[in-house]
Full PDB file with SEQRES, HELIX, SHEET, SSBOND, CRYST1, ORIGX, SCALE, CONECT and MASTER records, all heavy atoms in Angstrom:
SEQRES   1 A   37  ILE TYR TRP PHE ALA LEU VAL LEU ARG ILE ILE TYR ARG          
SEQRES   2 A   37  ILE VAL THR GLN ASN ASN LEU ASP ASP SER ARG SER ASP          
SEQRES   3 A   37  SER GLU ASP ASN ASP GLY ASP ASP GLY ALA GLY                  
HELIX    1 AA1 TYR A    2  GLN A   17  1                                  16    
HELIX    2 AA2 SER A   27  ASP A   29  5                                   3    
CRYST1    1.000    1.000    1.000  90.00  90.00  90.00 P 1           1          
ORIGX1      1.000000  0.000000  0.000000        0.00000                         
ORIGX2      0.000000  1.000000  0.000000        0.00000                         
ORIGX3      0.000000  0.000000  1.000000        0.00000                         
SCALE1      1.000000  0.000000  0.000000        0.00000                         
SCALE2      0.000000  1.000000  0.000000        0.00000                         
SCALE3      0.000000  0.000000  1.000000        0.00000                         
ATOM      1  N   ILE A   1     128.792 111.221 114.770  1.00  0.00           N  
ATOM      2  CA  ILE A   1     129.062 110.853 113.317  1.00  0.00           C  
ATOM      3  C   ILE A   1     127.950 110.053 112.778  1.00  0.00           C  
ATOM      4  O   ILE A   1     127.526 110.251 111.590  1.00  0.00           O  
ATOM      5  CB  ILE A   1     130.456 110.221 113.187  1.00  0.00           C  
ATOM      6  CG1 ILE A   1     131.553 111.230 113.450  1.00  0.00           C  
ATOM      7  CG2 ILE A   1     130.623 109.589 111.749  1.00  0.00           C  
ATOM      8  CD1 ILE A   1     132.868 110.608 113.601  1.00  0.00           C  
ATOM      9  N   TYR A   2     127.510 109.104 113.552  1.00  0.00           N  
ATOM     10  CA  TYR A   2     126.358 108.240 113.175  1.00  0.00           C  
ATOM     11  C   TYR A   2     125.134 109.161 112.883  1.00  0.00           C  
ATOM     12  O   TYR A   2     124.492 109.019 111.759  1.00  0.00           O  
ATOM     13  CB  TYR A   2     126.045 107.211 114.229  1.00  0.00           C  
ATOM     14  CG  TYR A   2     124.713 106.529 114.071  1.00  0.00           C  
ATOM     15  CD1 TYR A   2     124.502 105.466 113.109  1.00  0.00           C  
ATOM     16  CD2 TYR A   2     123.580 106.911 114.778  1.00  0.00           C  
ATOM     17  CE1 TYR A   2     123.271 104.831 112.941  1.00  0.00           C  
ATOM     18  CE2 TYR A   2     122.391 106.274 114.633  1.00  0.00           C  
ATOM     19  CZ  TYR A   2     122.161 105.252 113.720  1.00  0.00           C  
ATOM     20  OH  TYR A   2     121.061 104.634 113.574  1.00  0.00           O  
ATOM     21  N   TRP A   3     124.833 110.089 113.731  1.00  0.00           N  
ATOM     22  CA  TRP A   3     123.690 110.899 113.528  1.00  0.00           C  
ATOM     23  C   TRP A   3     123.914 111.872 112.287  1.00  0.00           C  
ATOM     24  O   TRP A   3     122.874 112.192 111.630  1.00  0.00           O  
ATOM     25  CB  TRP A   3     123.324 111.785 114.819  1.00  0.00           C  
ATOM     26  CG  TRP A   3     122.584 110.901 115.785  1.00  0.00           C  
ATOM     27  CD1 TRP A   3     121.465 110.212 115.467  1.00  0.00           C  
ATOM     28  CD2 TRP A   3     122.804 110.871 117.221  1.00  0.00           C  
ATOM     29  NE1 TRP A   3     121.038 109.559 116.704  1.00  0.00           N  
ATOM     30  CE2 TRP A   3     121.821 109.975 117.705  1.00  0.00           C  
ATOM     31  CE3 TRP A   3     123.715 111.387 118.087  1.00  0.00           C  
ATOM     32  CZ2 TRP A   3     121.746 109.741 119.023  1.00  0.00           C  
ATOM     33  CZ3 TRP A   3     123.691 111.253 119.370  1.00  0.00           C  
ATOM     34  CH2 TRP A   3     122.691 110.328 119.900  1.00  0.00           C  
ATOM     35  N   PHE A   4     125.059 112.224 112.079  1.00  0.00           N  
ATOM     36  CA  PHE A   4     125.377 113.076 110.927  1.00  0.00           C  
ATOM     37  C   PHE A   4     125.061 112.362 109.595  1.00  0.00           C  
ATOM     38  O   PHE A   4     124.706 112.900 108.677  1.00  0.00           O  
ATOM     39  CB  PHE A   4     126.763 113.746 111.006  1.00  0.00           C  
ATOM     40  CG  PHE A   4     127.012 114.754 109.942  1.00  0.00           C  
ATOM     41  CD1 PHE A   4     126.425 115.907 109.991  1.00  0.00           C  
ATOM     42  CD2 PHE A   4     127.938 114.474 108.939  1.00  0.00           C  
ATOM     43  CE1 PHE A   4     126.596 116.848 109.008  1.00  0.00           C  
ATOM     44  CE2 PHE A   4     128.231 115.476 107.985  1.00  0.00           C  
ATOM     45  CZ  PHE A   4     127.510 116.657 108.032  1.00  0.00           C  
ATOM     46  N   ALA A   5     125.320 111.023 109.669  1.00  0.00           N  
ATOM     47  CA  ALA A   5     125.143 110.274 108.507  1.00  0.00           C  
ATOM     48  C   ALA A   5     123.671 110.222 108.195  1.00  0.00           C  
ATOM     49  O   ALA A   5     123.185 110.355 107.013  1.00  0.00           O  
ATOM     50  CB  ALA A   5     125.633 108.837 108.695  1.00  0.00           C  
ATOM     51  N   LEU A   6     122.818 110.155 109.269  1.00  0.00           N  
ATOM     52  CA  LEU A   6     121.334 110.273 109.134  1.00  0.00           C  
ATOM     53  C   LEU A   6     120.885 111.660 108.514  1.00  0.00           C  
ATOM     54  O   LEU A   6     119.987 111.820 107.707  1.00  0.00           O  
ATOM     55  CB  LEU A   6     120.654 110.015 110.344  1.00  0.00           C  
ATOM     56  CG  LEU A   6     120.867 108.629 110.976  1.00  0.00           C  
ATOM     57  CD1 LEU A   6     119.975 108.526 112.289  1.00  0.00           C  
ATOM     58  CD2 LEU A   6     120.555 107.538 110.062  1.00  0.00           C  
ATOM     59  N   VAL A   7     121.595 112.699 109.009  1.00  0.00           N  
ATOM     60  CA  VAL A   7     121.364 114.002 108.521  1.00  0.00           C  
ATOM     61  C   VAL A   7     121.660 114.210 106.987  1.00  0.00           C  
ATOM     62  O   VAL A   7     120.907 114.795 106.274  1.00  0.00           O  
ATOM     63  CB  VAL A   7     122.166 115.093 109.164  1.00  0.00           C  
ATOM     64  CG1 VAL A   7     122.137 116.491 108.594  1.00  0.00           C  
ATOM     65  CG2 VAL A   7     121.791 115.249 110.726  1.00  0.00           C  
ATOM     66  N   LEU A   8     122.733 113.492 106.590  1.00  0.00           N  
ATOM     67  CA  LEU A   8     123.129 113.518 105.204  1.00  0.00           C  
ATOM     68  C   LEU A   8     121.979 112.791 104.343  1.00  0.00           C  
ATOM     69  O   LEU A   8     121.721 113.137 103.201  1.00  0.00           O  
ATOM     70  CB  LEU A   8     124.425 112.808 104.917  1.00  0.00           C  
ATOM     71  CG  LEU A   8     125.628 113.508 105.477  1.00  0.00           C  
ATOM     72  CD1 LEU A   8     126.943 112.680 105.207  1.00  0.00           C  
ATOM     73  CD2 LEU A   8     125.774 114.855 104.884  1.00  0.00           C  
ATOM     74  N   ARG A   9     121.352 111.741 104.920  1.00  0.00           N  
ATOM     75  CA  ARG A   9     120.270 111.077 104.187  1.00  0.00           C  
ATOM     76  C   ARG A   9     119.103 111.970 104.110  1.00  0.00           C  
ATOM     77  O   ARG A   9     118.420 111.975 103.114  1.00  0.00           O  
ATOM     78  CB  ARG A   9     119.815 109.850 105.041  1.00  0.00           C  
ATOM     79  CG  ARG A   9     120.753 108.662 105.020  1.00  0.00           C  
ATOM     80  CD  ARG A   9     120.399 107.543 105.826  1.00  0.00           C  
ATOM     81  NE  ARG A   9     119.041 107.068 105.515  1.00  0.00           N  
ATOM     82  CZ  ARG A   9     118.373 106.196 106.188  1.00  0.00           C  
ATOM     83  NH1 ARG A   9     118.849 105.615 107.293  1.00  0.00           N  
ATOM     84  NH2 ARG A   9     117.214 105.802 105.866  1.00  0.00           N  
ATOM     85  N   ILE A  10     118.873 112.839 105.140  1.00  0.00           N  
ATOM     86  CA  ILE A  10     117.813 113.813 105.055  1.00  0.00           C  
ATOM     87  C   ILE A  10     118.123 114.917 103.879  1.00  0.00           C  
ATOM     88  O   ILE A  10     117.189 115.268 103.105  1.00  0.00           O  
ATOM     89  CB  ILE A  10     117.499 114.527 106.346  1.00  0.00           C  
ATOM     90  CG1 ILE A  10     117.073 113.550 107.415  1.00  0.00           C  
ATOM     91  CG2 ILE A  10     116.461 115.591 106.204  1.00  0.00           C  
ATOM     92  CD1 ILE A  10     116.988 114.071 108.814  1.00  0.00           C  
ATOM     93  N   ILE A  11     119.419 115.310 103.853  1.00  0.00           N  
ATOM     94  CA  ILE A  11     119.765 116.252 102.841  1.00  0.00           C  
ATOM     95  C   ILE A  11     119.470 115.662 101.434  1.00  0.00           C  
ATOM     96  O   ILE A  11     118.962 116.275 100.497  1.00  0.00           O  
ATOM     97  CB  ILE A  11     121.188 116.631 103.030  1.00  0.00           C  
ATOM     98  CG1 ILE A  11     121.470 117.435 104.342  1.00  0.00           C  
ATOM     99  CG2 ILE A  11     121.711 117.566 101.847  1.00  0.00           C  
ATOM    100  CD1 ILE A  11     122.885 117.751 104.707  1.00  0.00           C  
ATOM    101  N   TYR A  12     119.893 114.357 101.259  1.00  0.00           N  
ATOM    102  CA  TYR A  12     119.569 113.682 100.020  1.00  0.00           C  
ATOM    103  C   TYR A  12     118.167 113.642  99.690  1.00  0.00           C  
ATOM    104  O   TYR A  12     117.796 113.898  98.481  1.00  0.00           O  
ATOM    105  CB  TYR A  12     120.185 112.349 100.041  1.00  0.00           C  
ATOM    106  CG  TYR A  12     119.915 111.448  98.888  1.00  0.00           C  
ATOM    107  CD1 TYR A  12     120.698 111.635  97.704  1.00  0.00           C  
ATOM    108  CD2 TYR A  12     118.899 110.593  98.880  1.00  0.00           C  
ATOM    109  CE1 TYR A  12     120.461 110.880  96.604  1.00  0.00           C  
ATOM    110  CE2 TYR A  12     118.644 109.764  97.719  1.00  0.00           C  
ATOM    111  CZ  TYR A  12     119.434 109.909  96.567  1.00  0.00           C  
ATOM    112  OH  TYR A  12     119.204 109.227  95.500  1.00  0.00           O  
ATOM    113  N   ARG A  13     117.306 113.404 100.556  1.00  0.00           N  
ATOM    114  CA  ARG A  13     115.873 113.380 100.328  1.00  0.00           C  
ATOM    115  C   ARG A  13     115.289 114.749  99.948  1.00  0.00           C  
ATOM    116  O   ARG A  13     114.413 114.866  99.120  1.00  0.00           O  
ATOM    117  CB  ARG A  13     115.032 112.814 101.536  1.00  0.00           C  
ATOM    118  CG  ARG A  13     115.253 111.305 101.661  1.00  0.00           C  
ATOM    119  CD  ARG A  13     114.003 110.590 102.440  1.00  0.00           C  
ATOM    120  NE  ARG A  13     113.899 111.199 103.651  1.00  0.00           N  
ATOM    121  CZ  ARG A  13     114.406 110.723 104.834  1.00  0.00           C  
ATOM    122  NH1 ARG A  13     115.157 109.585 104.795  1.00  0.00           N  
ATOM    123  NH2 ARG A  13     114.193 111.303 106.024  1.00  0.00           N  
ATOM    124  N   ILE A  14     115.890 115.761 100.618  1.00  0.00           N  
ATOM    125  CA  ILE A  14     115.438 117.162 100.309  1.00  0.00           C  
ATOM    126  C   ILE A  14     115.748 117.453  98.830  1.00  0.00           C  
ATOM    127  O   ILE A  14     114.919 117.965  98.132  1.00  0.00           O  
ATOM    128  CB  ILE A  14     116.094 118.198 101.194  1.00  0.00           C  
ATOM    129  CG1 ILE A  14     115.674 118.030 102.694  1.00  0.00           C  
ATOM    130  CG2 ILE A  14     115.865 119.562 100.893  1.00  0.00           C  
ATOM    131  CD1 ILE A  14     116.323 118.868 103.655  1.00  0.00           C  
ATOM    132  N   VAL A  15     116.948 117.056  98.441  1.00  0.00           N  
ATOM    133  CA  VAL A  15     117.394 117.425  97.145  1.00  0.00           C  
ATOM    134  C   VAL A  15     116.674 116.553  96.046  1.00  0.00           C  
ATOM    135  O   VAL A  15     116.262 117.099  95.027  1.00  0.00           O  
ATOM    136  CB  VAL A  15     118.978 117.176  96.964  1.00  0.00           C  
ATOM    137  CG1 VAL A  15     119.337 117.348  95.539  1.00  0.00           C  
ATOM    138  CG2 VAL A  15     119.621 118.059  97.891  1.00  0.00           C  
ATOM    139  N   THR A  16     116.399 115.337  96.414  1.00  0.00           N  
ATOM    140  CA  THR A  16     115.907 114.417  95.330  1.00  0.00           C  
ATOM    141  C   THR A  16     114.305 114.269  95.448  1.00  0.00           C  
ATOM    142  O   THR A  16     113.600 114.003  94.390  1.00  0.00           O  
ATOM    143  CB  THR A  16     116.457 112.932  95.419  1.00  0.00           C  
ATOM    144  OG1 THR A  16     116.212 112.405  96.824  1.00  0.00           O  
ATOM    145  CG2 THR A  16     117.898 113.059  95.175  1.00  0.00           C  
ATOM    146  N   GLN A  17     113.707 114.409  96.640  1.00  0.00           N  
ATOM    147  CA  GLN A  17     112.326 114.137  96.902  1.00  0.00           C  
ATOM    148  C   GLN A  17     111.576 115.316  97.577  1.00  0.00           C  
ATOM    149  O   GLN A  17     110.424 115.154  97.847  1.00  0.00           O  
ATOM    150  CB  GLN A  17     112.159 112.906  97.737  1.00  0.00           C  
ATOM    151  CG  GLN A  17     112.784 111.700  97.176  1.00  0.00           C  
ATOM    152  CD  GLN A  17     112.781 110.500  98.230  1.00  0.00           C  
ATOM    153  OE1 GLN A  17     111.846 110.461  99.051  1.00  0.00           O  
ATOM    154  NE2 GLN A  17     113.649 109.529  97.996  1.00  0.00           N  
ATOM    155  N   ASN A  18     112.357 116.364  97.842  1.00  0.00           N  
ATOM    156  CA  ASN A  18     111.791 117.474  98.553  1.00  0.00           C  
ATOM    157  C   ASN A  18     111.098 117.035  99.872  1.00  0.00           C  
ATOM    158  O   ASN A  18     109.870 117.441 100.273  1.00  0.00           O  
ATOM    159  CB  ASN A  18     110.708 118.252  97.711  1.00  0.00           C  
ATOM    160  CG  ASN A  18     110.282 119.568  98.306  1.00  0.00           C  
ATOM    161  OD1 ASN A  18     111.119 120.154  99.025  1.00  0.00           O  
ATOM    162  ND2 ASN A  18     109.089 119.934  98.041  1.00  0.00           N  
ATOM    163  N   ASN A  19     111.727 116.158 100.596  1.00  0.00           N  
ATOM    164  CA  ASN A  19     111.242 115.526 101.806  1.00  0.00           C  
ATOM    165  C   ASN A  19     112.138 115.864 102.967  1.00  0.00           C  
ATOM    166  O   ASN A  19     113.264 115.486 103.068  1.00  0.00           O  
ATOM    167  CB  ASN A  19     111.140 114.118 101.587  1.00  0.00           C  
ATOM    168  CG  ASN A  19     110.459 113.276 102.693  1.00  0.00           C  
ATOM    169  OD1 ASN A  19     110.195 113.917 103.779  1.00  0.00           O  
ATOM    170  ND2 ASN A  19     110.303 111.967 102.580  1.00  0.00           N  
ATOM    171  N   LEU A  20     111.607 116.477 104.015  1.00  0.00           N  
ATOM    172  CA  LEU A  20     112.308 116.857 105.226  1.00  0.00           C  
ATOM    173  C   LEU A  20     111.964 115.978 106.426  1.00  0.00           C  
ATOM    174  O   LEU A  20     112.062 116.460 107.569  1.00  0.00           O  
ATOM    175  CB  LEU A  20     111.954 118.412 105.512  1.00  0.00           C  
ATOM    176  CG  LEU A  20     112.885 119.019 106.563  1.00  0.00           C  
ATOM    177  CD1 LEU A  20     114.395 118.933 106.257  1.00  0.00           C  
ATOM    178  CD2 LEU A  20     112.475 120.504 106.706  1.00  0.00           C  
ATOM    179  N   ASP A  21     111.783 114.758 106.229  1.00  0.00           N  
ATOM    180  CA  ASP A  21     111.437 113.884 107.355  1.00  0.00           C  
ATOM    181  C   ASP A  21     112.650 113.481 108.154  1.00  0.00           C  
ATOM    182  O   ASP A  21     113.676 113.227 107.548  1.00  0.00           O  
ATOM    183  CB  ASP A  21     110.682 112.647 106.890  1.00  0.00           C  
ATOM    184  CG  ASP A  21     109.250 112.894 106.625  1.00  0.00           C  
ATOM    185  OD1 ASP A  21     108.734 113.917 107.213  1.00  0.00           O  
ATOM    186  OD2 ASP A  21     108.642 112.182 105.760  1.00  0.00           O  
ATOM    187  N   ASP A  22     112.588 113.337 109.415  1.00  0.00           N  
ATOM    188  CA  ASP A  22     113.681 112.757 110.271  1.00  0.00           C  
ATOM    189  C   ASP A  22     113.844 111.281 109.920  1.00  0.00           C  
ATOM    190  O   ASP A  22     112.904 110.660 109.507  1.00  0.00           O  
ATOM    191  CB  ASP A  22     113.209 113.012 111.680  1.00  0.00           C  
ATOM    192  CG  ASP A  22     114.443 112.707 112.673  1.00  0.00           C  
ATOM    193  OD1 ASP A  22     115.423 112.146 112.185  1.00  0.00           O  
ATOM    194  OD2 ASP A  22     114.277 113.269 113.779  1.00  0.00           O  
ATOM    195  N   SER A  23     115.039 110.767 110.150  1.00  0.00           N  
ATOM    196  CA  SER A  23     115.359 109.479 109.780  1.00  0.00           C  
ATOM    197  C   SER A  23     115.370 108.472 110.915  1.00  0.00           C  
ATOM    198  O   SER A  23     115.997 107.429 110.918  1.00  0.00           O  
ATOM    199  CB  SER A  23     116.783 109.390 109.113  1.00  0.00           C  
ATOM    200  OG  SER A  23     116.806 110.086 107.893  1.00  0.00           O  
ATOM    201  N   ARG A  24     114.735 108.903 112.040  1.00  0.00           N  
ATOM    202  CA  ARG A  24     114.755 108.036 113.232  1.00  0.00           C  
ATOM    203  C   ARG A  24     113.275 107.617 113.734  1.00  0.00           C  
ATOM    204  O   ARG A  24     113.191 107.304 114.850  1.00  0.00           O  
ATOM    205  CB  ARG A  24     115.420 108.835 114.446  1.00  0.00           C  
ATOM    206  CG  ARG A  24     116.770 109.352 114.130  1.00  0.00           C  
ATOM    207  CD  ARG A  24     117.351 110.110 115.278  1.00  0.00           C  
ATOM    208  NE  ARG A  24     116.530 111.437 115.490  1.00  0.00           N  
ATOM    209  CZ  ARG A  24     115.863 111.519 116.463  1.00  0.00           C  
ATOM    210  NH1 ARG A  24     115.665 110.554 117.428  1.00  0.00           N  
ATOM    211  NH2 ARG A  24     115.154 112.631 116.731  1.00  0.00           N  
ATOM    212  N   SER A  25     112.432 107.769 112.925  1.00  0.00           N  
ATOM    213  CA  SER A  25     110.927 107.650 113.326  1.00  0.00           C  
ATOM    214  C   SER A  25     110.517 106.361 113.749  1.00  0.00           C  
ATOM    215  O   SER A  25     111.043 105.307 113.264  1.00  0.00           O  
ATOM    216  CB  SER A  25     110.165 108.343 112.214  1.00  0.00           C  
ATOM    217  OG  SER A  25     109.086 107.661 111.964  1.00  0.00           O  
ATOM    218  N   ASP A  26     109.515 106.293 114.550  1.00  0.00           N  
ATOM    219  CA  ASP A  26     108.728 105.044 114.834  1.00  0.00           C  
ATOM    220  C   ASP A  26     107.774 104.957 113.652  1.00  0.00           C  
ATOM    221  O   ASP A  26     107.558 105.824 112.969  1.00  0.00           O  
ATOM    222  CB  ASP A  26     108.071 105.048 116.174  1.00  0.00           C  
ATOM    223  CG  ASP A  26     107.376 106.310 116.393  1.00  0.00           C  
ATOM    224  OD1 ASP A  26     106.508 106.677 115.614  1.00  0.00           O  
ATOM    225  OD2 ASP A  26     107.570 106.789 117.549  1.00  0.00           O  
ATOM    226  N   SER A  27     107.102 103.767 113.452  1.00  0.00           N  
ATOM    227  CA  SER A  27     106.314 103.516 112.350  1.00  0.00           C  
ATOM    228  C   SER A  27     105.070 104.398 112.286  1.00  0.00           C  
ATOM    229  O   SER A  27     104.397 104.680 111.305  1.00  0.00           O  
ATOM    230  CB  SER A  27     105.866 102.065 112.313  1.00  0.00           C  
ATOM    231  OG  SER A  27     105.188 101.743 113.554  1.00  0.00           O  
ATOM    232  N   GLU A  28     104.680 104.995 113.529  1.00  0.00           N  
ATOM    233  CA  GLU A  28     103.347 105.780 113.543  1.00  0.00           C  
ATOM    234  C   GLU A  28     103.707 107.151 113.247  1.00  0.00           C  
ATOM    235  O   GLU A  28     102.751 108.017 113.149  1.00  0.00           O  
ATOM    236  CB  GLU A  28     102.812 105.655 115.015  1.00  0.00           C  
ATOM    237  CG  GLU A  28     102.398 104.207 115.351  1.00  0.00           C  
ATOM    238  CD  GLU A  28     101.754 104.175 116.731  1.00  0.00           C  
ATOM    239  OE1 GLU A  28     101.424 105.266 117.222  1.00  0.00           O  
ATOM    240  OE2 GLU A  28     101.616 103.103 117.311  1.00  0.00           O  
ATOM    241  N   ASP A  29     104.915 107.516 112.975  1.00  0.00           N  
ATOM    242  CA  ASP A  29     105.172 108.946 112.545  1.00  0.00           C  
ATOM    243  C   ASP A  29     105.275 109.196 111.087  1.00  0.00           C  
ATOM    244  O   ASP A  29     105.780 110.260 110.596  1.00  0.00           O  
ATOM    245  CB  ASP A  29     106.519 109.323 113.211  1.00  0.00           C  
ATOM    246  CG  ASP A  29     106.376 109.577 114.702  1.00  0.00           C  
ATOM    247  OD1 ASP A  29     105.238 109.837 115.196  1.00  0.00           O  
ATOM    248  OD2 ASP A  29     107.402 109.501 115.418  1.00  0.00           O  
ATOM    249  N   ASN A  30     104.893 108.198 110.380  1.00  0.00           N  
ATOM    250  CA  ASN A  30     105.096 108.391 108.917  1.00  0.00           C  
ATOM    251  C   ASN A  30     104.044 109.331 108.255  1.00  0.00           C  
ATOM    252  O   ASN A  30     104.229 109.632 106.987  1.00  0.00           O  
ATOM    253  CB  ASN A  30     104.836 106.989 108.170  1.00  0.00           C  
ATOM    254  CG  ASN A  30     106.058 106.073 108.408  1.00  0.00           C  
ATOM    255  OD1 ASN A  30     107.176 106.523 108.541  1.00  0.00           O  
ATOM    256  ND2 ASN A  30     105.816 104.815 108.480  1.00  0.00           N  
ATOM    257  N   ASP A  31     103.167 109.831 109.019  1.00  0.00           N  
ATOM    258  CA  ASP A  31     102.179 110.888 108.477  1.00  0.00           C  
ATOM    259  C   ASP A  31     102.710 112.257 108.460  1.00  0.00           C  
ATOM    260  O   ASP A  31     102.126 113.281 108.290  1.00  0.00           O  
ATOM    261  CB  ASP A  31     100.861 110.848 109.246  1.00  0.00           C  
ATOM    262  CG  ASP A  31     101.079 111.198 110.685  1.00  0.00           C  
ATOM    263  OD1 ASP A  31     102.251 111.203 111.122  1.00  0.00           O  
ATOM    264  OD2 ASP A  31     100.049 111.312 111.401  1.00  0.00           O  
ATOM    265  N   GLY A  32     104.153 112.304 108.684  1.00  0.00           N  
ATOM    266  CA  GLY A  32     104.794 113.708 108.708  1.00  0.00           C  
ATOM    267  C   GLY A  32     105.304 114.063 109.989  1.00  0.00           C  
ATOM    268  O   GLY A  32     105.836 115.205 110.194  1.00  0.00           O  
ATOM    269  N   ASP A  33     105.163 113.194 111.057  1.00  0.00           N  
ATOM    270  CA  ASP A  33     105.674 113.428 112.348  1.00  0.00           C  
ATOM    271  C   ASP A  33     107.216 113.426 112.226  1.00  0.00           C  
ATOM    272  O   ASP A  33     107.840 113.058 111.270  1.00  0.00           O  
ATOM    273  CB  ASP A  33     105.056 112.548 113.329  1.00  0.00           C  
ATOM    274  CG  ASP A  33     104.917 113.020 114.733  1.00  0.00           C  
ATOM    275  OD1 ASP A  33     105.565 114.096 115.012  1.00  0.00           O  
ATOM    276  OD2 ASP A  33     104.256 112.457 115.524  1.00  0.00           O  
ATOM    277  N   ASP A  34     107.825 113.665 113.431  1.00  0.00           N  
ATOM    278  CA  ASP A  34     109.240 113.844 113.393  1.00  0.00           C  
ATOM    279  C   ASP A  34     109.755 112.423 113.597  1.00  0.00           C  
ATOM    280  O   ASP A  34     110.111 111.926 114.659  1.00  0.00           O  
ATOM    281  CB  ASP A  34     109.849 114.656 114.536  1.00  0.00           C  
ATOM    282  CG  ASP A  34     109.833 114.023 115.847  1.00  0.00           C  
ATOM    283  OD1 ASP A  34     108.713 113.605 116.288  1.00  0.00           O  
ATOM    284  OD2 ASP A  34     110.824 113.885 116.399  1.00  0.00           O  
ATOM    285  N   GLY A  35     109.972 111.634 112.523  1.00  0.00           N  
ATOM    286  CA  GLY A  35     110.440 110.335 112.782  1.00  0.00           C  
ATOM    287  C   GLY A  35     111.133 109.772 111.591  1.00  0.00           C  
ATOM    288  O   GLY A  35     111.534 110.570 110.781  1.00  0.00           O  
ATOM    289  N   ALA A  36     111.377 108.531 111.630  1.00  0.00           N  
ATOM    290  CA  ALA A  36     112.396 107.895 110.728  1.00  0.00           C  
ATOM    291  C   ALA A  36     111.795 107.521 109.400  1.00  0.00           C  
ATOM    292  O   ALA A  36     112.475 107.559 108.404  1.00  0.00           O  
ATOM    293  CB  ALA A  36     112.996 106.757 111.288  1.00  0.00           C  
ATOM    294  N   GLY A  37     110.620 107.138 109.288  1.00  0.00           N  
ATOM    295  CA  GLY A  37     110.128 106.658 107.991  1.00  0.00           C  
ATOM    296  C   GLY A  37     109.891 107.909 107.054  1.00  0.00           C  
ATOM    297  O   GLY A  37     109.550 108.981 107.431  1.00  0.00           O  
TER     298      GLY A  37                                                      
MASTER        0    0    0    2    0    0    0    6  297    1    0    3          
END                                                                             
């Protein structure tokens, strides 16, 4: 359920920002890698 809440955040970003980034990333993954930022 905790991870599904993060999935819902990704859905929100897709709808509002067209952004498919994962919500679990380390700081070095912000260039589009699979991470949280």
